[in-house]
C-alpha atoms as a PDB file:
ATOM      1  CA  MET A   1       0.000   0.000   0.000  1.00  0.00           C
ATOM      2  CA  ARG A   2       2.792   2.339   0.921  1.00  0.00           C
ATOM      3  CA  SER A   3       4.559   1.831  -2.396  1.00  0.00           C
ATOM      4  CA  MET A   4       1.310   2.464  -4.226  1.00  0.00           C
ATOM      5  CA  ILE A   5       0.798   5.794  -2.418  1.00  0.00           C
ATOM      6  CA  MET A   6       4.400   6.721  -3.060  1.00  0.00           C
ATOM      7  CA  THR A   7       4.018   5.869  -6.766  1.00  0.00           C
ATOM      8  CA  LEU A   8       0.861   8.001  -6.964  1.00  0.00           C
ATOM      9  CA  LEU A   9       2.640  10.919  -5.303  1.00  0.00           C
ATOM     10  CA  VAL A  10       5.546  10.675  -7.726  1.00  0.00           C
ATOM     11  CA  LEU A  11       3.145  10.526 -10.668  1.00  0.00           C
ATOM     12  CA  LEU A  12       1.233  13.562  -9.378  1.00  0.00           C
ATOM     13  CA  VAL A  13       4.450  15.530  -8.956  1.00  0.00           C
ATOM     14  CA  LEU A  14       5.641  14.551 -12.414  1.00  0.00           C
ATOM     15  CA  ALA A  15       2.266  15.392 -13.958  1.00  0.00           C
ATOM     16  CA  GLY A  16       2.449  18.866 -12.431  1.00  0.00           C
ATOM     17  CA  CYS A  17       5.888  19.501 -13.848  1.00  0.00           C
ATOM     18  CA  LYS A  18       6.091  20.911 -17.275  1.00  0.00           C
ATOM     19  CA  GLU A  19       9.031  22.124 -19.224  1.00  0.00           C
ATOM     20  CA  HIS A  20       9.540  25.841 -18.939  1.00  0.00           C
ATOM     21  CA  THR A  21      11.242  27.391 -21.890  1.00  0.00           C
ATOM     22  CA  LYS A  22      12.575  30.880 -21.737  1.00  0.00           C
ATOM     23  CA  GLU A  23      11.953  33.012 -24.751  1.00  0.00           C
ATOM     24  CA  SER A  24      14.615  35.609 -25.366  1.00  0.00           C
ATOM     25  CA  VAL A  25      13.234  39.078 -25.929  1.00  0.00           C
ATOM     26  CA  GLU A  26      15.594  41.698 -27.268  1.00  0.00           C
ATOM     27  CA  ILE A  27      14.853  45.274 -26.286  1.00  0.00           C
ATOM     28  CA  TYR A  28      16.760  47.792 -28.325  1.00  0.00           C
ATOM     29  CA  ASN A  29      17.233  51.474 -27.686  1.00  0.00           C
ATOM     30  CA  PRO A  30      13.957  52.994 -28.977  1.00  0.00           C
ATOM     31  CA  LEU A  31      15.883  55.992 -30.338  1.00  0.00           C
ATOM     32  CA  HIS A  32      18.019  53.629 -32.447  1.00  0.00           C
ATOM     33  CA  THR A  33      15.033  51.601 -33.659  1.00  0.00           C
ATOM     34  CA  GLU A  34      13.135  54.721 -34.715  1.00  0.00           C
ATOM     35  CA  TYR A  35      16.227  56.189 -36.382  1.00  0.00           C
ATOM     36  CA  LEU A  36      16.835  53.039 -38.439  1.00  0.00           C
ATOM     37  CA  GLN A  37      13.186  52.726 -39.415  1.00  0.00           C
ATOM     38  CA  GLN A  38      13.414  56.202 -40.982  1.00  0.00           C
ATOM     39  CA  TYR A  39      15.920  54.666 -43.400  1.00  0.00           C
ATOM     40  CA  GLY A  40      13.957  51.428 -43.848  1.00  0.00           C
ATOM     41  CA  TRP A  41      16.444  49.272 -41.899  1.00  0.00           C
ATOM     42  CA  HIS A  42      15.466  46.674 -39.280  1.00  0.00           C
ATOM     43  CA  ILE A  43      17.553  45.407 -36.368  1.00  0.00           C
ATOM     44  CA  GLY A  44      18.269  41.689 -36.430  1.00  0.00           C
ATOM     45  CA  GLN A  45      20.413  41.491 -33.311  1.00  0.00           C
ATOM     46  CA  TYR A  46      22.656  43.508 -31.038  1.00  0.00           C
ATOM     47  CA  TYR A  47      26.302  43.393 -32.130  1.00  0.00           C
ATOM     48  CA  SER A  48      28.522  45.671 -30.042  1.00  0.00           C
ATOM     49  CA  GLU A  49      28.933  48.828 -28.030  1.00  0.00           C
ATOM     50  CA  THR A  50      32.071  50.922 -27.647  1.00  0.00           C
ATOM     51  CA  ARG A  51      32.198  53.848 -25.263  1.00  0.00           C
ATOM     52  CA  PHE A  52      34.769  56.546 -25.900  1.00  0.00           C
ATOM     53  CA  LYS A  53      35.348  58.853 -22.941  1.00  0.00           C
ATOM     54  CA  ALA A  54      35.870  62.565 -23.561  1.00  0.00           C
ATOM     55  CA  ASN A  55      39.307  63.337 -25.014  1.00  0.00           C
ATOM     56  CA  THR A  56      40.019  59.705 -25.969  1.00  0.00           C
ATOM     57  CA  LEU A  57      38.796  59.592 -29.593  1.00  0.00           C
ATOM     58  CA  GLN A  58      42.153  60.947 -30.757  1.00  0.00           C
ATOM     59  CA  ASP A  59      43.699  57.737 -29.366  1.00  0.00           C
ATOM     60  CA  TYR A  60      41.706  55.834 -32.017  1.00  0.00           C
ATOM     61  CA  GLN A  61      42.671  58.036 -34.954  1.00  0.00           C
ATOM     62  CA  GLU A  62      42.668  55.231 -37.538  1.00  0.00           C
ATOM     63  CA  HIS A  63      39.085  54.291 -36.590  1.00  0.00           C
ATOM     64  CA  VAL A  64      37.961  57.942 -36.523  1.00  0.00           C
ATOM     65  CA  ASP A  65      39.536  58.481 -39.966  1.00  0.00           C
ATOM     66  CA  LYS A  66      37.731  55.427 -41.387  1.00  0.00           C
ATOM     67  CA  ILE A  67      34.410  56.689 -40.016  1.00  0.00           C
ATOM     68  CA  ARG A  68      35.077  60.100 -41.596  1.00  0.00           C
ATOM     69  CA  THR A  69      36.328  58.937 -45.002  1.00  0.00           C
ATOM     70  CA  GLU A  70      34.213  55.818 -45.590  1.00  0.00           C
ATOM     71  CA  GLY A  71      31.196  56.484 -43.361  1.00  0.00           C
ATOM     72  CA  HIS A  72      31.076  60.238 -44.015  1.00  0.00           C
ATOM     73  CA  VAL A  73      30.724  61.084 -40.303  1.00  0.00           C
ATOM     74  CA  ASP A  74      32.992  63.821 -38.909  1.00  0.00           C
ATOM     75  CA  LEU A  75      33.641  63.253 -35.217  1.00  0.00           C
ATOM     76  CA  SER A  76      35.996  66.229 -34.766  1.00  0.00           C
ATOM     77  CA  PRO A  77      33.310  68.329 -32.970  1.00  0.00           C
ATOM     78  CA  TYR A  78      33.001  65.507 -30.404  1.00  0.00           C
ATOM     79  CA  LEU A  79      36.661  64.926 -29.511  1.00  0.00           C
ATOM     80  CA  ASN A  80      36.177  66.455 -26.060  1.00  0.00           C
ATOM     81  CA  LYS A  81      32.845  64.685 -25.417  1.00  0.00           C
ATOM     82  CA  ASP A  82      31.768  61.154 -24.553  1.00  0.00           C
ATOM     83  CA  VAL A  83      30.773  59.193 -27.677  1.00  0.00           C
ATOM     84  CA  ILE A  84      28.994  55.830 -27.807  1.00  0.00           C
ATOM     85  CA  GLU A  85      29.204  53.650 -30.923  1.00  0.00           C
ATOM     86  CA  THR A  86      26.523  50.917 -30.968  1.00  0.00           C
ATOM     87  CA  GLY A  87      26.463  48.203 -33.624  1.00  0.00           C
ATOM     88  CA  TYR A  88      23.508  46.099 -34.765  1.00  0.00           C
ATOM     89  CA  VAL A  89      23.373  43.299 -37.320  1.00  0.00           C
ATOM     90  CA  LEU A  90      20.521  44.201 -39.645  1.00  0.00           C
ATOM     91  CA  LYS A  91      17.840  41.843 -40.967  1.00  0.00           C
ATOM     92  CA  GLU A  92      18.433  43.041 -44.522  1.00  0.00           C
ATOM     93  CA  LYS A  93      20.834  41.261 -46.879  1.00  0.00           C
ATOM     94  CA  THR A  94      22.049  41.759 -50.416  1.00  0.00           C
ATOM     95  CA  ASP A  95      23.015  39.223 -53.043  1.00  0.00           C
ATOM     96  CA  HIS A  96      26.684  39.994 -52.193  1.00  0.00           C
ATOM     97  CA  TYR A  97      26.529  40.545 -48.408  1.00  0.00           C
ATOM     98  CA  ASN A  98      24.657  38.560 -45.766  1.00  0.00           C
ATOM     99  CA  HIS A  99      25.992  40.319 -42.634  1.00  0.00           C
ATOM    100  CA  ILE A 100      25.182  44.032 -42.707  1.00  0.00           C
ATOM    101  CA  VAL A 101      26.094  45.944 -39.553  1.00  0.00           C
ATOM    102  CA  VAL A 102      24.972  49.479 -38.777  1.00  0.00           C
ATOM    103  CA  TYR A 103      26.938  51.580 -36.322  1.00  0.00           C
ATOM    104  CA  ILE A 104      25.063  54.394 -34.614  1.00  0.00           C
ATOM    105  CA  LEU A 105      27.141  57.124 -32.997  1.00  0.00           C
ATOM    106  CA  GLU A 106      25.701  59.234 -30.222  1.00  0.00           C
ATOM    107  CA  SER A 107      26.848  61.874 -27.787  1.00  0.00           C
ATOM    108  CA  GLY A 108      24.896  63.550 -25.017  1.00  0.00           C
ATOM    109  CA  GLY A 109      21.915  61.258 -25.674  1.00  0.00           C
ATOM    110  CA  ALA A 110      21.575  62.397 -29.309  1.00  0.00           C
ATOM    111  CA  ILE A 111      22.472  60.523 -32.494  1.00  0.00           C
ATOM    112  CA  ILE A 112      25.365  62.295 -34.218  1.00  0.00           C
ATOM    113  CA  GLY A 113      25.812  59.947 -37.175  1.00  0.00           C
ATOM    114  CA  SER A 114      25.833  56.398 -38.464  1.00  0.00           C
ATOM    115  CA  TYR A 115      27.438  54.214 -41.084  1.00  0.00           C
ATOM    116  CA  LEU A 116      27.038  50.747 -42.571  1.00  0.00           C
ATOM    117  CA  GLU A 117      29.447  47.831 -42.900  1.00  0.00           C
ATOM    118  CA  PHE A 118      28.616  45.254 -45.566  1.00  0.00           C
ATOM    119  CA  ASN A 119      30.215  41.886 -44.725  1.00  0.00           C
ATOM    120  CA  HIS A 120      29.886  38.289 -45.836  1.00  0.00           C
ATOM    121  CA  GLU A 121      29.405  35.633 -43.167  1.00  0.00           C
ATOM    122  CA  VAL A 122      30.532  32.064 -43.911  1.00  0.00           C
ATOM    123  CA  VAL A 123      30.164  28.971 -41.738  1.00  0.00           C
ATOM    124  CA  GLN A 124      33.373  26.946 -41.880  1.00  0.00           C
ATOM    125  CA  PRO A 125      33.332  23.098 -42.065  1.00  0.00           C
ATOM    126  CA  ASN A 126      34.346  22.987 -38.380  1.00  0.00           C
ATOM    127  CA  GLY A 127      31.298  25.107 -37.440  1.00  0.00           C
ATOM    128  CA  GLU A 128      33.174  28.350 -36.821  1.00  0.00           C
ATOM    129  CA  ILE A 129      31.676  31.484 -38.309  1.00  0.00           C
ATOM    130  CA  GLN A 130      34.003  33.643 -40.348  1.00  0.00           C
ATOM    131  CA  VAL A 131      33.017  37.212 -41.204  1.00  0.00           C
ATOM    132  CA  ASN A 132      34.777  38.591 -44.277  1.00  0.00           C
ATOM    133  CA  ALA A 133      34.911  42.386 -44.267  1.00  0.00           C
ATOM    134  CA  GLY A 134      33.326  44.126 -47.220  1.00  0.00           C
ATOM    135  CA  GLN A 135      32.461  47.752 -47.790  1.00  0.00           C
ATOM    136  CA  THR A 136      32.007  50.524 -45.231  1.00  0.00           C
ATOM    137  CA  THR A 137      29.542  53.111 -46.502  1.00  0.00           C
ATOM    138  CA  PRO A 138      27.600  56.136 -45.332  1.00  0.00           C
ATOM    139  CA  MET A 139      24.062  55.480 -44.123  1.00  0.00           C
ATOM    140  CA  PHE A 140      21.494  55.355 -46.934  1.00  0.00           C
ATOM    141  CA  PRO A 141      17.895  54.128 -47.277  1.00  0.00           C
ATOM    142  CA  SER A 142      17.538  50.339 -47.468  1.00  0.00           C
ATOM    143  CA  ASN A 143      15.528  50.505 -50.673  1.00  0.00           C
ATOM    144  CA  GLN A 144      18.271  52.391 -52.506  1.00  0.00           C
ATOM    145  CA  GLN A 145      20.674  50.430 -54.653  1.00  0.00           C
ATOM    146  CA  ASP A 146      24.036  52.063 -54.226  1.00  0.00           C
ATOM    147  CA  GLU A 147      26.110  50.870 -57.175  1.00  0.00           C
ATOM    148  CA  GLN A 148      28.933  53.202 -56.127  1.00  0.00           C
ATOM    149  CA  TYR A 149      29.885  50.699 -53.429  1.00  0.00           C
ATOM    150  CA  GLY A 150      28.949  47.531 -55.329  1.00  0.00           C
ATOM    151  CA  ILE A 151      26.809  46.215 -52.500  1.00  0.00           C
ATOM    152  CA  GLY A 152      24.432  44.435 -54.830  1.00  0.00           C
ATOM    153  CA  ARG A 153      20.696  44.028 -55.001  1.00  0.00           C
ATOM    154  CA  PHE A 154      18.734  43.699 -51.748  1.00  0.00           C
ATOM    155  CA  VAL A 155      17.240  40.239 -51.531  1.00  0.00           C
ATOM    156  CA  ASN A 156      15.090  40.646 -48.405  1.00  0.00           C
ATOM    157  CA  ALA A 157      15.082  44.322 -47.519  1.00  0.00           C
ATOM    158  CA  ASN A 158      11.676  44.385 -45.849  1.00  0.00           C
ATOM    159  CA  ASN A 159      11.419  41.300 -43.698  1.00  0.00           C
ATOM    160  CA  ASP A 160       9.972  42.312 -40.378  1.00  0.00           C
END
């Protein structure tokens, strides 16, 4: 009798247990989401954040020069201010690039510029993901084909 009661208790406990799965919910900076939507871009996932303290941008001159020359964003007015550079992998892809990253630059809580990096992501036979750098360009609307940079035709520019 005791073993029967014990078996029933175990069955009741097991019947009450159900697998709980956690669903990941990404919450992005609403200012960034709204900004990107103005250009027709959609965030796929968070990528990176770099915080530059006031008077430290000049220590990263090569990066600042690339942003200015290729991304068309002049950071010289912000050299003595804190600057945050946030990167997001976008949902959009082209027939040449499947890993498009947008970098949004802000200072004092306001967006001061942005630029795009078009990369190609390849899964290696061993499972490692390799990202091959492509073009860095100024920000432009997602529905615009920019032949100047050879980024190719958008293949899924509006997948929400």
